[in-house]
Amino acid sequence: MIAVFLFAGSGRVFAQSEPSKAEAGAQSSDKAGKPKKRAPKFEVGLQFSSLSINPHSTICFDLCLVGSDRGYSEPGGGARFTYNLTNNIGLEAEGNIFPREYRNYNLGLLGLGGRNSQAQFGIKIGKRLKRLGVFGKVRPGFVSFSKVSYVVSTSVLTIDFGNGPKQYTIGQFGEKQRRFLSADVGAVVEFYISRHLMTRVDLGDTIIRYGVIFVPGYSASNAIQRIPPETRHNFQFAAGVGLRF
């Protein structure tokens, strides 16, 4: 756009050009640096993960069982998929397998053991820079144990100690896989090596809600013991690599 100015008496004409909207936009972009690019929509990755299992607290029936507050760590790994709604919000699905078949005395008393697996689905929200991203995450899901005690069947046992017969319910126990509700709450730090390659570190609290578990008791009067539901907090660490596209 050209503006023309006339000055009376001088006979001179001056012309001054004004930048177009496109040119103005280009200039503003140059001043602010390159326009911010949209992050790739999809991410797939593999990770190593360590889950610190913190089972039920100490329980008492006819006697107090050894405290299961002594947790243990399970190493494993898995895969993750992310769909980025925006540069700052993403939807995620992650699965992990912990291949070791683990059981100790305390876990046996609580009716827990075997291999663990995990699946979490949720959202991450945060800030993404050119080479770094920092996010918070909330992802509900479940954590499973491959060997959890349960009552297969019951029978009635009649015993007479001299003061009349008494009946007691006896249980036959087995083991099966069970899934317990969980929620993964924590922080994510991402490092963007290039537009299509990244690394990622997760630190979080995997909250597990244990359901009712039935275990053998230690007397005829309490042959079937009920362990009540309980919510426990479990630290989890993960580190891995991913592709973005």
C-alpha atoms as a PDB file:
ATOM      1  CA  MET A   1       0.000   0.000   0.000  1.00  0.00           C
ATOM      2  CA  ILE A   2       1.411   3.394  -0.974  1.00  0.00           C
ATOM      3  CA  ALA A   3       0.530   6.667   0.685  1.00  0.00           C
ATOM      4  CA  VAL A   4       1.143   9.861  -1.321  1.00  0.00           C
ATOM      5  CA  PHE A   5       1.799  13.173   0.453  1.00  0.00           C
ATOM      6  CA  LEU A   6       1.641  16.559  -1.333  1.00  0.00           C
ATOM      7  CA  PHE A   7       3.227  19.618   0.143  1.00  0.00           C
ATOM      8  CA  ALA A   8       1.721  22.854  -1.039  1.00  0.00           C
ATOM      9  CA  GLY A   9       4.055  25.431  -2.474  1.00  0.00           C
ATOM     10  CA  SER A  10       6.951  23.066  -2.853  1.00  0.00           C
ATOM     11  CA  GLY A  11       5.666  21.153  -5.813  1.00  0.00           C
ATOM     12  CA  ARG A  12       7.199  18.056  -4.365  1.00  0.00           C
ATOM     13  CA  VAL A  13       5.506  14.717  -4.044  1.00  0.00           C
ATOM     14  CA  PHE A  14       6.653  12.145  -1.514  1.00  0.00           C
ATOM     15  CA  ALA A  15       5.567   8.490  -1.635  1.00  0.00           C
ATOM     16  CA  GLN A  16       5.794   6.177   1.356  1.00  0.00           C
ATOM     17  CA  SER A  17       4.972   2.495   1.187  1.00  0.00           C
ATOM     18  CA  GLU A  18       3.198   0.707   4.072  1.00  0.00           C
ATOM     19  CA  PRO A  19       3.668  -3.044   4.657  1.00  0.00           C
ATOM     20  CA  SER A  20       0.823  -5.330   3.675  1.00  0.00           C
ATOM     21  CA  LYS A  21      -0.843  -7.586   6.221  1.00  0.00           C
ATOM     22  CA  ALA A  22       1.179 -10.556   5.009  1.00  0.00           C
ATOM     23  CA  GLU A  23       4.397  -8.605   5.296  1.00  0.00           C
ATOM     24  CA  ALA A  24       3.417  -7.346   8.731  1.00  0.00           C
ATOM     25  CA  GLY A  25       2.706 -10.878   9.850  1.00  0.00           C
ATOM     26  CA  ALA A  26       6.047 -12.038   8.520  1.00  0.00           C
ATOM     27  CA  GLN A  27       7.808  -9.234  10.339  1.00  0.00           C
ATOM     28  CA  SER A  28       6.078 -10.031  13.615  1.00  0.00           C
ATOM     29  CA  SER A  29       6.968 -13.682  13.163  1.00  0.00           C
ATOM     30  CA  ASP A  30      10.585 -12.744  12.567  1.00  0.00           C
ATOM     31  CA  LYS A  31      10.651 -10.628  15.712  1.00  0.00           C
ATOM     32  CA  ALA A  32       9.135 -13.380  17.830  1.00  0.00           C
ATOM     33  CA  GLY A  33      11.189 -16.134  16.218  1.00  0.00           C
ATOM     34  CA  LYS A  34       9.862 -19.046  14.234  1.00  0.00           C
ATOM     35  CA  PRO A  35       6.139 -19.810  14.735  1.00  0.00           C
ATOM     36  CA  LYS A  36       5.520 -22.600  17.225  1.00  0.00           C
ATOM     37  CA  LYS A  37       5.055 -25.982  15.540  1.00  0.00           C
ATOM     38  CA  ARG A  38       2.261 -28.347  16.397  1.00  0.00           C
ATOM     39  CA  ALA A  39       3.565 -31.428  18.224  1.00  0.00           C
ATOM     40  CA  PRO A  40       3.105 -34.753  16.390  1.00  0.00           C
ATOM     41  CA  LYS A  41      -0.302 -36.236  17.160  1.00  0.00           C
ATOM     42  CA  PHE A  42       0.798 -39.805  17.887  1.00  0.00           C
ATOM     43  CA  GLU A  43       3.462 -41.350  20.121  1.00  0.00           C
ATOM     44  CA  VAL A  44       4.365 -45.005  20.627  1.00  0.00           C
ATOM     45  CA  GLY A  45       7.029 -46.120  23.052  1.00  0.00           C
ATOM     46  CA  LEU A  46       8.658 -48.904  25.044  1.00  0.00           C
ATOM     47  CA  GLN A  47       9.716 -48.524  28.660  1.00  0.00           C
ATOM     48  CA  PHE A  48      11.372 -50.210  31.610  1.00  0.00           C
ATOM     49  CA  SER A  49       9.268 -49.962  34.760  1.00  0.00           C
ATOM     50  CA  SER A  50       9.762 -50.735  38.446  1.00  0.00           C
ATOM     51  CA  LEU A  51       6.681 -51.039  40.672  1.00  0.00           C
ATOM     52  CA  SER A  52       7.122 -51.086  44.456  1.00  0.00           C
ATOM     53  CA  ILE A  53       4.345 -53.347  45.723  1.00  0.00           C
ATOM     54  CA  ASN A  54       3.020 -52.345  49.145  1.00  0.00           C
ATOM     55  CA  PRO A  55       0.455 -55.016  50.171  1.00  0.00           C
ATOM     56  CA  HIS A  56      -2.089 -55.015  52.986  1.00  0.00           C
ATOM     57  CA  SER A  57      -1.067 -53.826  56.434  1.00  0.00           C
ATOM     58  CA  THR A  58      -0.725 -56.169  59.417  1.00  0.00           C
ATOM     59  CA  ILE A  59      -3.883 -58.194  60.062  1.00  0.00           C
ATOM     60  CA  CYS A  60      -5.089 -60.011  63.176  1.00  0.00           C
ATOM     61  CA  PHE A  61      -7.370 -63.049  63.431  1.00  0.00           C
ATOM     62  CA  ASP A  62      -6.785 -65.438  66.326  1.00  0.00           C
ATOM     63  CA  LEU A  63      -3.247 -64.034  66.223  1.00  0.00           C
ATOM     64  CA  CYS A  64      -1.523 -61.158  64.487  1.00  0.00           C
ATOM     65  CA  LEU A  65       0.181 -62.107  61.268  1.00  0.00           C
ATOM     66  CA  VAL A  66       3.633 -60.822  60.408  1.00  0.00           C
ATOM     67  CA  GLY A  67       3.293 -57.312  59.053  1.00  0.00           C
ATOM     68  CA  SER A  68       3.170 -57.181  55.283  1.00  0.00           C
ATOM     69  CA  ASP A  69       4.224 -53.557  55.415  1.00  0.00           C
ATOM     70  CA  ARG A  70       7.546 -54.773  54.069  1.00  0.00           C
ATOM     71  CA  GLY A  71       7.037 -54.079  50.384  1.00  0.00           C
ATOM     72  CA  TYR A  72       9.028 -55.366  47.445  1.00  0.00           C
ATOM     73  CA  SER A  73       9.927 -54.040  44.003  1.00  0.00           C
ATOM     74  CA  GLU A  74       8.947 -55.723  40.754  1.00  0.00           C
ATOM     75  CA  PRO A  75      11.002 -54.983  37.603  1.00  0.00           C
ATOM     76  CA  GLY A  76       9.277 -55.206  34.251  1.00  0.00           C
ATOM     77  CA  GLY A  77       8.434 -53.354  31.097  1.00  0.00           C
ATOM     78  CA  GLY A  78       5.795 -52.585  28.551  1.00  0.00           C
ATOM     79  CA  ALA A  79       4.462 -50.277  25.866  1.00  0.00           C
ATOM     80  CA  ARG A  80       2.695 -46.938  25.707  1.00  0.00           C
ATOM     81  CA  PHE A  81       0.497 -45.112  23.189  1.00  0.00           C
ATOM     82  CA  THR A  82      -0.281 -41.376  23.319  1.00  0.00           C
ATOM     83  CA  TYR A  83      -2.666 -39.251  21.259  1.00  0.00           C
ATOM     84  CA  ASN A  84      -1.881 -35.548  21.630  1.00  0.00           C
ATOM     85  CA  LEU A  85      -5.061 -33.478  21.551  1.00  0.00           C
ATOM     86  CA  THR A  86      -2.990 -30.281  21.738  1.00  0.00           C
ATOM     87  CA  ASN A  87       0.613 -29.374  22.539  1.00  0.00           C
ATOM     88  CA  ASN A  88      -0.293 -29.455  26.236  1.00  0.00           C
ATOM     89  CA  ILE A  89      -2.904 -32.243  26.548  1.00  0.00           C
ATOM     90  CA  GLY A  90      -2.583 -35.905  25.623  1.00  0.00           C
ATOM     91  CA  LEU A  91      -4.595 -39.104  26.056  1.00  0.00           C
ATOM     92  CA  GLU A  92      -2.581 -42.187  27.035  1.00  0.00           C
ATOM     93  CA  ALA A  93      -2.798 -45.959  27.320  1.00  0.00           C
ATOM     94  CA  GLU A  94       0.002 -47.986  28.903  1.00  0.00           C
ATOM     95  CA  GLY A  95       0.527 -51.647  29.723  1.00  0.00           C
ATOM     96  CA  ASN A  96       3.302 -53.311  31.741  1.00  0.00           C
ATOM     97  CA  ILE A  97       4.217 -56.913  32.513  1.00  0.00           C
ATOM     98  CA  PHE A  98       6.320 -57.904  35.521  1.00  0.00           C
ATOM     99  CA  PRO A  99       7.499 -61.420  34.616  1.00  0.00           C
ATOM    100  CA  ARG A 100       8.931 -62.581  37.935  1.00  0.00           C
ATOM    101  CA  GLU A 101       6.711 -65.025  39.834  1.00  0.00           C
ATOM    102  CA  TYR A 102       7.198 -63.740  43.338  1.00  0.00           C
ATOM    103  CA  ARG A 103       5.883 -64.893  46.689  1.00  0.00           C
ATOM    104  CA  ASN A 104       7.223 -64.599  50.211  1.00  0.00           C
ATOM    105  CA  TYR A 105       5.867 -65.647  53.592  1.00  0.00           C
ATOM    106  CA  ASN A 106       4.017 -62.401  54.230  1.00  0.00           C
ATOM    107  CA  LEU A 107       2.344 -62.436  50.820  1.00  0.00           C
ATOM    108  CA  GLY A 108       1.289 -66.046  51.345  1.00  0.00           C
ATOM    109  CA  LEU A 109      -0.438 -65.099  54.590  1.00  0.00           C
ATOM    110  CA  LEU A 110      -2.317 -62.404  52.682  1.00  0.00           C
ATOM    111  CA  GLY A 111      -3.296 -64.679  49.814  1.00  0.00           C
ATOM    112  CA  LEU A 112      -1.267 -62.718  47.231  1.00  0.00           C
ATOM    113  CA  GLY A 113       1.470 -63.821  44.860  1.00  0.00           C
ATOM    114  CA  GLY A 114       2.513 -64.754  41.356  1.00  0.00           C
ATOM    115  CA  ARG A 115       3.218 -62.430  38.462  1.00  0.00           C
ATOM    116  CA  ASN A 116       1.971 -58.862  38.202  1.00  0.00           C
ATOM    117  CA  SER A 117       0.634 -56.993  35.197  1.00  0.00           C
ATOM    118  CA  GLN A 118      -0.742 -53.493  34.798  1.00  0.00           C
ATOM    119  CA  ALA A 119      -2.875 -51.386  32.469  1.00  0.00           C
ATOM    120  CA  GLN A 120      -3.504 -47.640  32.874  1.00  0.00           C
ATOM    121  CA  PHE A 121      -5.595 -45.271  30.736  1.00  0.00           C
ATOM    122  CA  GLY A 122      -5.849 -41.527  31.236  1.00  0.00           C
ATOM    123  CA  ILE A 123      -4.649 -38.003  30.531  1.00  0.00           C
ATOM    124  CA  LYS A 124      -1.491 -35.941  30.819  1.00  0.00           C
ATOM    125  CA  ILE A 125      -1.508 -32.132  31.003  1.00  0.00           C
ATOM    126  CA  GLY A 126       1.481 -29.821  31.066  1.00  0.00           C
ATOM    127  CA  LYS A 127       3.886 -27.600  29.163  1.00  0.00           C
ATOM    128  CA  ARG A 128       5.815 -28.519  26.028  1.00  0.00           C
ATOM    129  CA  LEU A 129       8.909 -26.575  24.962  1.00  0.00           C
ATOM    130  CA  LYS A 130      11.178 -27.102  21.966  1.00  0.00           C
ATOM    131  CA  ARG A 131      13.305 -29.842  23.553  1.00  0.00           C
ATOM    132  CA  LEU A 132      11.543 -30.504  26.844  1.00  0.00           C
ATOM    133  CA  GLY A 133       8.067 -31.348  28.087  1.00  0.00           C
ATOM    134  CA  VAL A 134       6.844 -31.460  31.696  1.00  0.00           C
ATOM    135  CA  PHE A 135       3.426 -32.939  32.479  1.00  0.00           C
ATOM    136  CA  GLY A 136       1.209 -34.171  35.265  1.00  0.00           C
ATOM    137  CA  LYS A 137      -0.736 -37.397  34.714  1.00  0.00           C
ATOM    138  CA  VAL A 138      -3.850 -39.096  36.084  1.00  0.00           C
ATOM    139  CA  ARG A 139      -4.500 -42.577  34.689  1.00  0.00           C
ATOM    140  CA  PRO A 140      -6.991 -45.049  36.194  1.00  0.00           C
ATOM    141  CA  GLY A 141      -6.692 -48.751  35.427  1.00  0.00           C
ATOM    142  CA  PHE A 142      -5.856 -51.999  37.199  1.00  0.00           C
ATOM    143  CA  VAL A 143      -2.987 -54.066  38.613  1.00  0.00           C
ATOM    144  CA  SER A 144      -3.316 -57.841  38.592  1.00  0.00           C
ATOM    145  CA  PHE A 145      -1.788 -60.689  40.607  1.00  0.00           C
ATOM    146  CA  SER A 146      -1.706 -64.109  38.947  1.00  0.00           C
ATOM    147  CA  LYS A 147      -2.148 -66.060  42.213  1.00  0.00           C
ATOM    148  CA  VAL A 148      -4.734 -64.789  44.699  1.00  0.00           C
ATOM    149  CA  SER A 149      -6.353 -67.014  47.309  1.00  0.00           C
ATOM    150  CA  TYR A 150     -10.089 -67.745  47.071  1.00  0.00           C
ATOM    151  CA  VAL A 151     -12.601 -70.229  48.469  1.00  0.00           C
ATOM    152  CA  VAL A 152     -13.299 -73.045  46.000  1.00  0.00           C
ATOM    153  CA  SER A 153     -15.884 -74.812  48.178  1.00  0.00           C
ATOM    154  CA  THR A 154     -16.960 -75.226  51.797  1.00  0.00           C
ATOM    155  CA  SER A 155     -17.945 -78.155  53.968  1.00  0.00           C
ATOM    156  CA  VAL A 156     -19.314 -78.503  57.494  1.00  0.00           C
ATOM    157  CA  LEU A 157     -17.238 -80.331  60.088  1.00  0.00           C
ATOM    158  CA  THR A 158     -18.922 -81.609  63.279  1.00  0.00           C
ATOM    159  CA  ILE A 159     -16.747 -82.017  66.389  1.00  0.00           C
ATOM    160  CA  ASP A 160     -17.781 -83.134  69.865  1.00  0.00           C
ATOM    161  CA  PHE A 161     -15.386 -82.146  72.664  1.00  0.00           C
ATOM    162  CA  GLY A 162     -17.582 -83.707  75.368  1.00  0.00           C
ATOM    163  CA  ASN A 163     -19.871 -80.757  75.843  1.00  0.00           C
ATOM    164  CA  GLY A 164     -22.039 -81.435  72.810  1.00  0.00           C
ATOM    165  CA  PRO A 165     -21.313 -81.448  69.087  1.00  0.00           C
ATOM    166  CA  LYS A 166     -20.301 -78.231  67.373  1.00  0.00           C
ATOM    167  CA  GLN A 167     -20.268 -77.504  63.692  1.00  0.00           C
ATOM    168  CA  TYR A 168     -17.505 -75.623  61.909  1.00  0.00           C
ATOM    169  CA  THR A 169     -17.341 -74.424  58.331  1.00  0.00           C
ATOM    170  CA  ILE A 170     -14.156 -75.529  56.597  1.00  0.00           C
ATOM    171  CA  GLY A 171     -12.986 -74.097  53.285  1.00  0.00           C
ATOM    172  CA  GLN A 172     -11.147 -75.602  50.364  1.00  0.00           C
ATOM    173  CA  PHE A 173      -8.878 -72.953  48.879  1.00  0.00           C
ATOM    174  CA  GLY A 174      -7.440 -72.363  45.455  1.00  0.00           C
ATOM    175  CA  GLU A 175      -5.605 -69.607  43.574  1.00  0.00           C
ATOM    176  CA  LYS A 176      -6.641 -67.528  40.579  1.00  0.00           C
ATOM    177  CA  GLN A 177      -5.748 -64.315  38.808  1.00  0.00           C
ATOM    178  CA  ARG A 178      -7.415 -61.172  40.120  1.00  0.00           C
ATOM    179  CA  ARG A 179      -7.375 -57.553  38.992  1.00  0.00           C
ATOM    180  CA  PHE A 180      -7.537 -54.723  41.498  1.00  0.00           C
ATOM    181  CA  LEU A 181      -8.491 -51.155  40.624  1.00  0.00           C
ATOM    182  CA  SER A 182      -5.591 -48.715  40.459  1.00  0.00           C
ATOM    183  CA  ALA A 183      -4.816 -45.087  39.671  1.00  0.00           C
ATOM    184  CA  ASP A 184      -1.466 -43.801  38.423  1.00  0.00           C
ATOM    185  CA  VAL A 185      -0.872 -40.210  39.594  1.00  0.00           C
ATOM    186  CA  GLY A 186       2.435 -38.462  39.039  1.00  0.00           C
ATOM    187  CA  ALA A 187       4.803 -36.500  36.812  1.00  0.00           C
ATOM    188  CA  VAL A 188       6.248 -36.998  33.331  1.00  0.00           C
ATOM    189  CA  VAL A 189       9.405 -35.459  31.876  1.00  0.00           C
ATOM    190  CA  GLU A 190       9.983 -35.801  28.126  1.00  0.00           C
ATOM    191  CA  PHE A 191      13.132 -35.001  26.117  1.00  0.00           C
ATOM    192  CA  TYR A 192      12.736 -34.447  22.374  1.00  0.00           C
ATOM    193  CA  ILE A 193      15.876 -35.657  20.612  1.00  0.00           C
ATOM    194  CA  SER A 194      14.320 -34.803  17.246  1.00  0.00           C
ATOM    195  CA  ARG A 195      10.848 -34.205  15.910  1.00  0.00           C
ATOM    196  CA  HIS A 196      10.270 -37.967  15.651  1.00  0.00           C
ATOM    197  CA  LEU A 197      12.396 -39.387  18.498  1.00  0.00           C
ATOM    198  CA  MET A 198      11.985 -38.849  22.239  1.00  0.00           C
ATOM    199  CA  THR A 199      12.887 -40.220  25.659  1.00  0.00           C
ATOM    200  CA  ARG A 200      10.636 -40.125  28.690  1.00  0.00           C
ATOM    201  CA  VAL A 201      10.842 -40.542  32.485  1.00  0.00           C
ATOM    202  CA  ASP A 202       7.793 -41.189  34.714  1.00  0.00           C
ATOM    203  CA  LEU A 203       7.625 -40.837  38.495  1.00  0.00           C
ATOM    204  CA  GLY A 204       4.352 -41.564  40.230  1.00  0.00           C
ATOM    205  CA  ASP A 205       2.174 -43.113  42.876  1.00  0.00           C
ATOM    206  CA  THR A 206       0.247 -46.159  41.680  1.00  0.00           C
ATOM    207  CA  ILE A 207      -2.663 -46.378  44.106  1.00  0.00           C
ATOM    208  CA  ILE A 208      -4.077 -49.926  44.378  1.00  0.00           C
ATOM    209  CA  ARG A 209      -7.465 -50.703  45.892  1.00  0.00           C
ATOM    210  CA  TYR A 210      -7.283 -54.291  47.146  1.00  0.00           C
ATOM    211  CA  GLY A 211     -10.613 -56.066  47.306  1.00  0.00           C
ATOM    212  CA  VAL A 212     -11.783 -58.665  49.823  1.00  0.00           C
ATOM    213  CA  ILE A 213      -9.509 -61.721  49.989  1.00  0.00           C
ATOM    214  CA  PHE A 214     -10.284 -64.998  51.782  1.00  0.00           C
ATOM    215  CA  VAL A 215      -7.425 -67.010  53.304  1.00  0.00           C
ATOM    216  CA  PRO A 216      -7.195 -70.114  55.534  1.00  0.00           C
ATOM    217  CA  GLY A 217      -7.496 -69.460  59.267  1.00  0.00           C
ATOM    218  CA  TYR A 218      -5.616 -71.037  62.151  1.00  0.00           C
ATOM    219  CA  SER A 219      -8.420 -72.675  64.108  1.00  0.00           C
ATOM    220  CA  ALA A 220     -11.592 -74.637  63.441  1.00  0.00           C
ATOM    221  CA  SER A 221     -13.685 -71.717  64.692  1.00  0.00           C
ATOM    222  CA  ASN A 222     -12.019 -69.384  62.190  1.00  0.00           C
ATOM    223  CA  ALA A 223     -11.164 -71.694  59.307  1.00  0.00           C
ATOM    224  CA  ILE A 224     -12.030 -69.079  56.677  1.00  0.00           C
ATOM    225  CA  GLN A 225     -10.632 -65.620  57.271  1.00  0.00           C
ATOM    226  CA  ARG A 226     -11.764 -62.498  55.447  1.00  0.00           C
ATOM    227  CA  ILE A 227      -9.151 -59.819  54.705  1.00  0.00           C
ATOM    228  CA  PRO A 228     -11.062 -56.536  54.241  1.00  0.00           C
ATOM    229  CA  PRO A 229     -10.524 -54.118  51.344  1.00  0.00           C
ATOM    230  CA  GLU A 230      -7.688 -51.645  51.693  1.00  0.00           C
ATOM    231  CA  THR A 231      -6.112 -48.873  49.601  1.00  0.00           C
ATOM    232  CA  ARG A 232      -2.317 -48.800  49.386  1.00  0.00           C
ATOM    233  CA  HIS A 233       0.180 -46.403  47.780  1.00  0.00           C
ATOM    234  CA  ASN A 234       2.988 -47.779  45.604  1.00  0.00           C
ATOM    235  CA  PHE A 235       5.899 -45.839  44.109  1.00  0.00           C
ATOM    236  CA  GLN A 236       6.511 -46.494  40.397  1.00  0.00           C
ATOM    237  CA  PHE A 237       9.372 -45.445  38.139  1.00  0.00           C
ATOM    238  CA  ALA A 238       9.566 -45.811  34.367  1.00  0.00           C
ATOM    239  CA  ALA A 239      12.028 -44.771  31.657  1.00  0.00           C
ATOM    240  CA  GLY A 240      11.823 -45.389  27.949  1.00  0.00           C
ATOM    241  CA  VAL A 241      12.044 -44.221  24.360  1.00  0.00           C
ATOM    242  CA  GLY A 242       9.350 -43.341  21.860  1.00  0.00           C
ATOM    243  CA  LEU A 243       8.572 -42.465  18.264  1.00  0.00           C
ATOM    244  CA  ARG A 244       6.415 -39.462  17.340  1.00  0.00           C
ATOM    245  CA  PHE A 245       4.515 -39.153  14.100  1.00  0.00           C
END
